[in-house]
N, C-alpha and C. Protein backbone atom coordinates (compact mmCIF):
# COMPACT_ATOMS: atom_id res chain seq x y z
N MET A 1 72.85 107.11 136.83
CA MET A 1 74.02 106.30 136.67
C MET A 1 74.14 105.79 135.23
N ARG A 2 73.02 105.38 134.66
CA ARG A 2 73.04 104.88 133.29
C ARG A 2 73.44 105.98 132.33
N LYS A 3 73.04 107.22 132.65
CA LYS A 3 73.41 108.35 131.80
C LYS A 3 74.92 108.49 131.73
N TYR A 4 75.58 108.38 132.84
CA TYR A 4 77.03 108.53 132.89
C TYR A 4 77.73 107.41 132.11
N ILE A 5 77.25 106.21 132.25
CA ILE A 5 77.83 105.09 131.52
C ILE A 5 77.63 105.29 130.02
N TYR A 6 76.44 105.76 129.63
CA TYR A 6 76.16 106.02 128.22
C TYR A 6 77.08 107.12 127.68
N VAL A 7 77.26 108.19 128.42
CA VAL A 7 78.13 109.30 128.00
C VAL A 7 79.58 108.83 127.90
N ILE A 8 80.05 108.08 128.87
CA ILE A 8 81.43 107.57 128.85
C ILE A 8 81.61 106.62 127.66
N GLY A 9 80.64 105.76 127.41
CA GLY A 9 80.72 104.83 126.28
C GLY A 9 80.77 105.57 124.95
N CYS A 10 79.92 106.59 124.76
CA CYS A 10 79.92 107.36 123.52
C CYS A 10 81.22 108.13 123.35
N THR A 11 81.71 108.71 124.43
CA THR A 11 82.97 109.45 124.37
C THR A 11 84.13 108.53 124.00
N THR A 12 84.16 107.35 124.60
CA THR A 12 85.21 106.38 124.29
C THR A 12 85.14 105.97 122.82
N LEU A 13 83.95 105.72 122.32
CA LEU A 13 83.77 105.34 120.93
C LEU A 13 84.24 106.46 120.00
N LEU A 14 83.91 107.69 120.34
CA LEU A 14 84.33 108.85 119.54
C LEU A 14 85.85 108.95 119.50
N PHE A 15 86.50 108.81 120.64
CA PHE A 15 87.97 108.87 120.69
C PHE A 15 88.60 107.74 119.88
N MET A 16 88.01 106.55 119.94
CA MET A 16 88.56 105.44 119.17
C MET A 16 88.47 105.72 117.68
N CYS A 17 87.37 106.30 117.24
CA CYS A 17 87.23 106.65 115.82
C CYS A 17 88.24 107.72 115.41
N LEU A 18 88.42 108.72 116.25
CA LEU A 18 89.38 109.78 115.94
C LEU A 18 90.80 109.25 115.89
N ILE A 19 91.16 108.39 116.80
CA ILE A 19 92.51 107.82 116.81
C ILE A 19 92.71 106.95 115.58
N GLY A 20 91.72 106.19 115.20
CA GLY A 20 91.83 105.36 113.99
C GLY A 20 92.01 106.19 112.74
N CYS A 21 91.28 107.30 112.62
CA CYS A 21 91.43 108.17 111.45
C CYS A 21 92.80 108.82 111.42
N SER A 22 93.29 109.26 112.56
CA SER A 22 94.61 109.90 112.57
C SER A 22 95.71 108.88 112.28
N ALA A 23 95.54 107.63 112.69
CA ALA A 23 96.53 106.59 112.38
C ALA A 23 96.57 106.34 110.88
N ASP A 24 95.42 106.40 110.19
CA ASP A 24 95.39 106.24 108.74
C ASP A 24 96.17 107.37 108.06
N ASN A 25 96.03 108.58 108.56
CA ASN A 25 96.76 109.71 107.99
C ASN A 25 98.25 109.56 108.19
N ILE A 26 98.67 109.05 109.32
CA ILE A 26 100.09 108.86 109.59
C ILE A 26 100.66 107.80 108.65
N GLN A 27 99.91 106.71 108.45
CA GLN A 27 100.39 105.64 107.58
C GLN A 27 100.49 106.11 106.13
N SER A 28 99.55 106.96 105.67
CA SER A 28 99.56 107.36 104.28
C SER A 28 100.49 108.54 104.01
N LYS A 29 101.10 109.08 105.04
CA LYS A 29 102.00 110.21 104.86
C LYS A 29 103.23 109.77 104.07
N GLY A 30 103.42 110.40 102.93
CA GLY A 30 104.58 110.07 102.11
C GLY A 30 104.45 108.72 101.46
N ASN A 31 103.48 108.56 100.52
CA ASN A 31 103.28 107.25 99.92
C ASN A 31 104.04 107.06 98.61
N GLN A 32 105.02 107.91 98.35
CA GLN A 32 105.97 107.67 97.27
C GLN A 32 107.30 108.28 97.65
N VAL A 33 108.35 107.80 97.01
CA VAL A 33 109.70 108.29 97.30
C VAL A 33 110.23 108.96 96.04
N ILE A 34 110.72 110.17 96.20
CA ILE A 34 111.32 110.92 95.10
C ILE A 34 112.84 110.83 95.26
N VAL A 35 113.50 110.35 94.22
CA VAL A 35 114.95 110.20 94.24
C VAL A 35 115.52 111.19 93.24
N GLN A 36 116.52 111.92 93.67
CA GLN A 36 117.17 112.92 92.81
C GLN A 36 118.65 112.61 92.68
N GLN A 37 119.22 112.98 91.54
CA GLN A 37 120.65 112.84 91.33
C GLN A 37 121.21 114.19 90.89
N PRO A 38 122.50 114.42 91.14
CA PRO A 38 123.07 115.74 90.81
C PRO A 38 123.20 115.96 89.31
N VAL A 39 123.06 117.23 88.93
CA VAL A 39 123.31 117.64 87.56
C VAL A 39 124.80 117.94 87.48
N GLU A 40 125.46 117.47 86.43
CA GLU A 40 126.90 117.67 86.29
C GLU A 40 127.26 119.15 86.32
N ASN A 41 128.37 119.46 86.99
CA ASN A 41 128.92 120.82 87.09
C ASN A 41 127.90 121.81 87.63
N SER A 42 127.11 121.37 88.60
CA SER A 42 126.07 122.23 89.17
C SER A 42 125.78 121.78 90.59
N ASN A 43 125.17 122.65 91.35
CA ASN A 43 124.71 122.29 92.70
C ASN A 43 123.24 121.90 92.69
N GLN A 44 122.68 121.73 91.51
CA GLN A 44 121.27 121.40 91.35
C GLN A 44 121.09 119.88 91.27
N TYR A 45 119.88 119.44 91.60
CA TYR A 45 119.52 118.03 91.52
C TYR A 45 118.30 117.89 90.62
N THR A 46 118.25 116.80 89.89
CA THR A 46 117.14 116.53 88.99
C THR A 46 116.49 115.20 89.35
N LEU A 47 115.25 115.03 88.93
CA LEU A 47 114.52 113.80 89.23
C LEU A 47 115.22 112.61 88.59
N TYR A 48 115.50 111.61 89.39
CA TYR A 48 116.12 110.38 88.91
C TYR A 48 115.08 109.27 88.81
N ARG A 49 114.25 109.19 89.85
CA ARG A 49 113.29 108.10 89.93
C ARG A 49 112.18 108.45 90.91
N LYS A 50 110.96 107.99 90.58
CA LYS A 50 109.82 108.09 91.49
C LYS A 50 109.42 106.68 91.86
N ILE A 51 109.41 106.38 93.14
CA ILE A 51 109.05 105.04 93.60
C ILE A 51 107.65 105.10 94.18
N THR A 52 106.72 104.40 93.54
CA THR A 52 105.32 104.44 93.96
C THR A 52 104.83 103.09 94.49
N ASP A 53 105.60 102.04 94.29
CA ASP A 53 105.20 100.72 94.77
C ASP A 53 105.15 100.72 96.30
N ALA A 54 104.00 100.36 96.84
CA ALA A 54 103.79 100.44 98.29
C ALA A 54 104.78 99.59 99.07
N ALA A 55 105.12 98.41 98.56
CA ALA A 55 106.05 97.54 99.27
C ALA A 55 107.45 98.14 99.30
N GLN A 56 107.87 98.74 98.19
CA GLN A 56 109.19 99.38 98.15
C GLN A 56 109.24 100.60 99.06
N VAL A 57 108.19 101.41 99.02
CA VAL A 57 108.14 102.60 99.88
C VAL A 57 108.19 102.18 101.34
N HIS A 58 107.45 101.13 101.69
CA HIS A 58 107.45 100.64 103.07
C HIS A 58 108.84 100.14 103.46
N ALA A 59 109.51 99.43 102.56
CA ALA A 59 110.86 98.92 102.86
C ALA A 59 111.85 100.07 103.06
N ILE A 60 111.75 101.10 102.23
CA ILE A 60 112.63 102.27 102.37
C ILE A 60 112.34 102.97 103.69
N ARG A 61 111.06 103.11 103.99
CA ARG A 61 110.67 103.78 105.25
C ARG A 61 111.17 102.99 106.46
N SER A 62 111.11 101.67 106.41
CA SER A 62 111.58 100.89 107.56
C SER A 62 113.09 101.04 107.75
N ILE A 63 113.84 101.13 106.66
CA ILE A 63 115.29 101.34 106.79
C ILE A 63 115.57 102.73 107.35
N THR A 64 114.88 103.74 106.84
CA THR A 64 115.13 105.10 107.33
C THR A 64 114.68 105.28 108.77
N ARG A 65 113.65 104.56 109.18
CA ARG A 65 113.22 104.65 110.58
C ARG A 65 114.23 104.04 111.53
N SER A 66 115.04 103.12 111.03
CA SER A 66 116.05 102.49 111.89
C SER A 66 117.24 103.41 112.14
N ILE A 67 117.31 104.52 111.41
CA ILE A 67 118.41 105.48 111.60
C ILE A 67 118.10 106.31 112.83
N ARG A 68 118.97 106.25 113.79
CA ARG A 68 118.79 107.00 115.04
C ARG A 68 119.61 108.29 114.99
N SER A 69 119.03 109.33 115.51
CA SER A 69 119.73 110.61 115.57
C SER A 69 120.94 110.47 116.49
N ASN A 70 122.11 110.85 115.98
CA ASN A 70 123.32 110.65 116.77
C ASN A 70 124.11 111.95 116.97
N HIS A 71 123.59 113.04 116.47
CA HIS A 71 124.20 114.37 116.64
C HIS A 71 125.64 114.42 116.14
N ILE A 72 125.94 113.64 115.12
CA ILE A 72 127.25 113.70 114.49
C ILE A 72 127.13 114.60 113.27
N ILE A 73 127.97 115.59 113.21
CA ILE A 73 127.98 116.50 112.06
C ILE A 73 129.17 116.11 111.20
N ALA A 74 128.87 115.69 109.98
CA ALA A 74 129.92 115.25 109.06
C ALA A 74 130.01 116.24 107.91
N ASP A 75 131.22 116.49 107.46
CA ASP A 75 131.44 117.37 106.33
C ASP A 75 132.02 116.51 105.20
N MET A 76 131.22 116.25 104.21
CA MET A 76 131.64 115.38 103.11
C MET A 76 132.42 116.19 102.08
N VAL A 77 133.33 115.53 101.38
CA VAL A 77 134.20 116.22 100.42
C VAL A 77 133.53 116.44 99.07
N ARG A 78 132.43 115.76 98.83
CA ARG A 78 131.72 115.93 97.57
C ARG A 78 130.22 115.94 97.82
N PRO A 79 129.45 116.46 96.88
CA PRO A 79 127.99 116.46 97.05
C PRO A 79 127.44 115.04 97.08
N PRO A 80 126.25 114.87 97.60
CA PRO A 80 125.65 113.53 97.66
C PRO A 80 125.47 112.92 96.27
N ASP A 81 125.60 111.60 96.21
CA ASP A 81 125.35 110.89 94.96
C ASP A 81 123.86 110.88 94.64
N TYR A 82 123.03 110.84 95.68
CA TYR A 82 121.58 110.88 95.52
C TYR A 82 120.98 111.60 96.71
N LYS A 83 119.79 112.16 96.49
CA LYS A 83 118.95 112.69 97.56
C LYS A 83 117.60 112.02 97.41
N PHE A 84 116.93 111.75 98.53
CA PHE A 84 115.59 111.22 98.43
C PHE A 84 114.74 111.70 99.60
N PHE A 85 113.43 111.74 99.36
CA PHE A 85 112.47 112.14 100.39
C PHE A 85 111.13 111.52 100.06
N PHE A 86 110.25 111.50 101.06
CA PHE A 86 108.92 110.93 100.91
C PHE A 86 107.96 112.03 100.49
N GLU A 87 107.01 111.66 99.63
CA GLU A 87 106.03 112.63 99.12
C GLU A 87 104.68 111.94 98.96
N LYS A 88 103.62 112.69 99.16
CA LYS A 88 102.28 112.14 98.93
C LYS A 88 101.98 112.15 97.44
N LYS A 89 101.29 111.12 96.98
CA LYS A 89 100.90 111.06 95.58
C LYS A 89 99.83 112.11 95.29
N ASN A 90 99.78 112.55 94.05
CA ASN A 90 98.74 113.45 93.55
C ASN A 90 98.66 114.78 94.30
N THR A 91 99.77 115.24 94.82
CA THR A 91 99.81 116.55 95.43
C THR A 91 101.03 117.29 94.93
N THR A 92 100.95 118.59 95.01
CA THR A 92 102.11 119.37 94.59
C THR A 92 103.03 119.66 95.77
N SER A 93 102.54 119.45 96.98
CA SER A 93 103.38 119.68 98.15
C SER A 93 104.12 118.40 98.49
N SER A 94 105.33 118.54 98.99
CA SER A 94 106.10 117.37 99.39
C SER A 94 106.60 117.57 100.81
N ASP A 95 106.83 116.47 101.47
CA ASP A 95 107.35 116.50 102.83
C ASP A 95 108.87 116.55 102.76
N LYS A 96 109.38 117.73 102.46
CA LYS A 96 110.82 117.88 102.33
C LYS A 96 111.45 118.25 103.67
N SER A 97 110.70 118.08 104.74
CA SER A 97 111.28 118.37 106.04
C SER A 97 112.38 117.37 106.39
N VAL A 98 112.31 116.18 105.78
CA VAL A 98 113.35 115.17 106.00
C VAL A 98 113.90 114.78 104.63
N ILE A 99 115.06 115.30 104.31
CA ILE A 99 115.74 114.95 103.07
C ILE A 99 116.96 114.11 103.43
N TYR A 100 117.05 112.96 102.80
CA TYR A 100 118.15 112.05 103.05
C TYR A 100 119.19 112.23 101.94
N ASN A 101 120.41 112.60 102.32
CA ASN A 101 121.52 112.71 101.38
C ASN A 101 122.29 111.40 101.44
N LEU A 102 122.54 110.79 100.28
CA LEU A 102 123.14 109.47 100.23
C LEU A 102 124.43 109.51 99.43
N TRP A 103 125.49 108.98 100.02
CA TRP A 103 126.79 108.85 99.37
C TRP A 103 127.14 107.37 99.28
N ILE A 104 127.78 106.99 98.20
CA ILE A 104 128.35 105.65 98.09
C ILE A 104 129.75 105.74 98.67
N SER A 105 130.09 104.80 99.57
CA SER A 105 131.40 104.83 100.24
C SER A 105 132.52 104.60 99.21
N PRO A 106 133.75 104.96 99.56
CA PRO A 106 134.87 104.79 98.63
C PRO A 106 135.06 103.35 98.13
N HIS A 107 134.77 102.37 98.97
CA HIS A 107 134.89 100.97 98.55
C HIS A 107 133.66 100.49 97.78
N GLN A 108 132.66 101.34 97.69
CA GLN A 108 131.41 101.10 96.95
C GLN A 108 130.65 99.88 97.45
N ASP A 109 130.80 99.58 98.76
CA ASP A 109 130.06 98.45 99.31
C ASP A 109 129.12 98.87 100.44
N GLN A 110 129.10 100.15 100.75
CA GLN A 110 128.20 100.68 101.77
C GLN A 110 127.73 102.06 101.35
N VAL A 111 126.63 102.49 101.96
CA VAL A 111 126.18 103.86 101.73
C VAL A 111 126.25 104.62 103.05
N GLU A 112 126.46 105.91 102.92
CA GLU A 112 126.48 106.82 104.06
C GLU A 112 125.35 107.81 103.87
N ILE A 113 124.67 108.12 104.94
CA ILE A 113 123.51 109.01 104.86
C ILE A 113 123.68 110.15 105.86
N ILE A 114 123.35 111.34 105.40
CA ILE A 114 123.23 112.50 106.27
C ILE A 114 121.81 113.02 106.11
N ILE A 115 121.13 113.20 107.22
CA ILE A 115 119.78 113.75 107.20
C ILE A 115 119.89 115.26 107.33
N GLU A 116 119.34 116.00 106.37
CA GLU A 116 119.51 117.45 106.34
C GLU A 116 118.89 118.16 107.53
N SER A 117 117.73 117.71 107.98
CA SER A 117 117.02 118.44 109.02
C SER A 117 117.54 118.16 110.43
N LYS A 118 118.37 117.12 110.58
CA LYS A 118 118.92 116.77 111.89
C LYS A 118 120.42 116.58 111.74
N PRO A 119 121.16 116.84 112.78
CA PRO A 119 122.59 116.55 112.70
C PRO A 119 122.83 115.05 112.86
N THR A 120 122.57 114.30 111.79
CA THR A 120 122.70 112.86 111.86
C THR A 120 123.50 112.35 110.68
N TYR A 121 124.55 111.61 110.98
CA TYR A 121 125.36 110.92 109.98
C TYR A 121 125.36 109.44 110.35
N VAL A 122 125.17 108.59 109.36
CA VAL A 122 125.20 107.15 109.62
C VAL A 122 125.78 106.43 108.41
N GLN A 123 126.55 105.39 108.68
CA GLN A 123 127.00 104.48 107.64
C GLN A 123 126.24 103.18 107.88
N LEU A 124 125.40 102.82 106.91
CA LEU A 124 124.59 101.61 107.06
C LEU A 124 125.46 100.37 106.93
N THR A 125 124.96 99.27 107.47
CA THR A 125 125.66 98.00 107.30
C THR A 125 125.68 97.65 105.82
N LYS A 126 126.54 96.74 105.45
CA LYS A 126 126.65 96.37 104.04
C LYS A 126 125.33 95.80 103.51
N GLU A 127 124.65 95.02 104.32
CA GLU A 127 123.39 94.42 103.89
C GLU A 127 122.31 95.48 103.71
N LYS A 128 122.16 96.36 104.70
CA LYS A 128 121.16 97.43 104.59
C LYS A 128 121.52 98.38 103.46
N SER A 129 122.81 98.63 103.27
CA SER A 129 123.25 99.51 102.19
C SER A 129 122.84 98.94 100.84
N ALA A 130 123.10 97.66 100.64
CA ALA A 130 122.76 97.02 99.37
C ALA A 130 121.26 97.04 99.13
N LYS A 131 120.50 96.77 100.19
CA LYS A 131 119.04 96.75 100.06
C LYS A 131 118.50 98.15 99.75
N LEU A 132 118.95 99.15 100.50
CA LEU A 132 118.47 100.52 100.27
C LEU A 132 118.89 101.02 98.89
N PHE A 133 120.12 100.76 98.49
CA PHE A 133 120.60 101.23 97.19
C PHE A 133 119.78 100.59 96.06
N LYS A 134 119.49 99.30 96.19
CA LYS A 134 118.67 98.61 95.19
C LYS A 134 117.27 99.21 95.13
N LEU A 135 116.69 99.52 96.29
CA LEU A 135 115.36 100.12 96.33
C LEU A 135 115.35 101.53 95.73
N ILE A 136 116.37 102.31 96.07
CA ILE A 136 116.42 103.71 95.64
C ILE A 136 116.73 103.83 94.14
N THR A 137 117.70 103.07 93.66
CA THR A 137 118.17 103.25 92.28
C THR A 137 117.68 102.18 91.32
N GLY A 138 117.30 101.03 91.85
CA GLY A 138 116.94 99.92 90.98
C GLY A 138 118.16 99.15 90.50
N GLU A 139 119.34 99.49 91.00
CA GLU A 139 120.58 98.85 90.58
C GLU A 139 121.27 98.24 91.80
N LYS A 140 122.22 97.35 91.53
CA LYS A 140 123.00 96.77 92.61
C LYS A 140 124.08 97.75 93.05
N LEU A 141 124.42 97.71 94.32
CA LEU A 141 125.52 98.52 94.85
C LEU A 141 126.81 97.98 94.24
N PRO A 142 127.60 98.81 93.54
CA PRO A 142 128.73 98.31 92.74
C PRO A 142 129.72 97.41 93.48
N GLY A 143 130.10 97.73 94.71
CA GLY A 143 131.13 96.97 95.39
C GLY A 143 130.62 95.91 96.33
N TYR A 144 129.30 95.72 96.41
CA TYR A 144 128.73 94.76 97.37
C TYR A 144 128.79 93.36 96.81
N VAL A 145 129.35 92.44 97.59
CA VAL A 145 129.41 91.03 97.22
C VAL A 145 128.60 90.25 98.24
N GLU A 146 127.67 89.47 97.76
CA GLU A 146 126.79 88.70 98.66
C GLU A 146 127.50 87.51 99.24
C-alpha cells in the first residue's frame, strides 16, 4: 500500500513540475511586439517600432486577448495603417500566425482591427483604441479627446 502512495505522490509531483514548466513557456511566448507601417506606393511594410518593455507587451496582449472571434469578414478600402505581431526576443523566428492589421477610423478617435489568421473584425472602444494606439505607436490617437 505504501508503494502505491509513494508512486502516486511522485507521479503527481512530476506532473506539477511539467505543468509549471509549460506555463512558463506560454507566458514567455512573444515577449516583444513588432510594429510595421506601410511603405509609400507599395504593398510592403517596414519596421516602425519594436516594443520590448514587459509592461507594455503585457498591456498590448491583454487588449488583443479581449478581442473575440466574430467571423465577420470586412473588406477595407485601404491597406492597414499599421501591422503588429508578437515575437520572442533573440530569435530569428517570429510568431506571425497572428498578425493584427490596424486602421485608424475616419473620425480618428477609434481603431479597427482585422486579424489575418481568423475572420475577425473589431472596432475597439474609444478608450481601448487610445490605449492600444499609444502603446503601439508611442503617440496619441489624433481624434481622441479624454
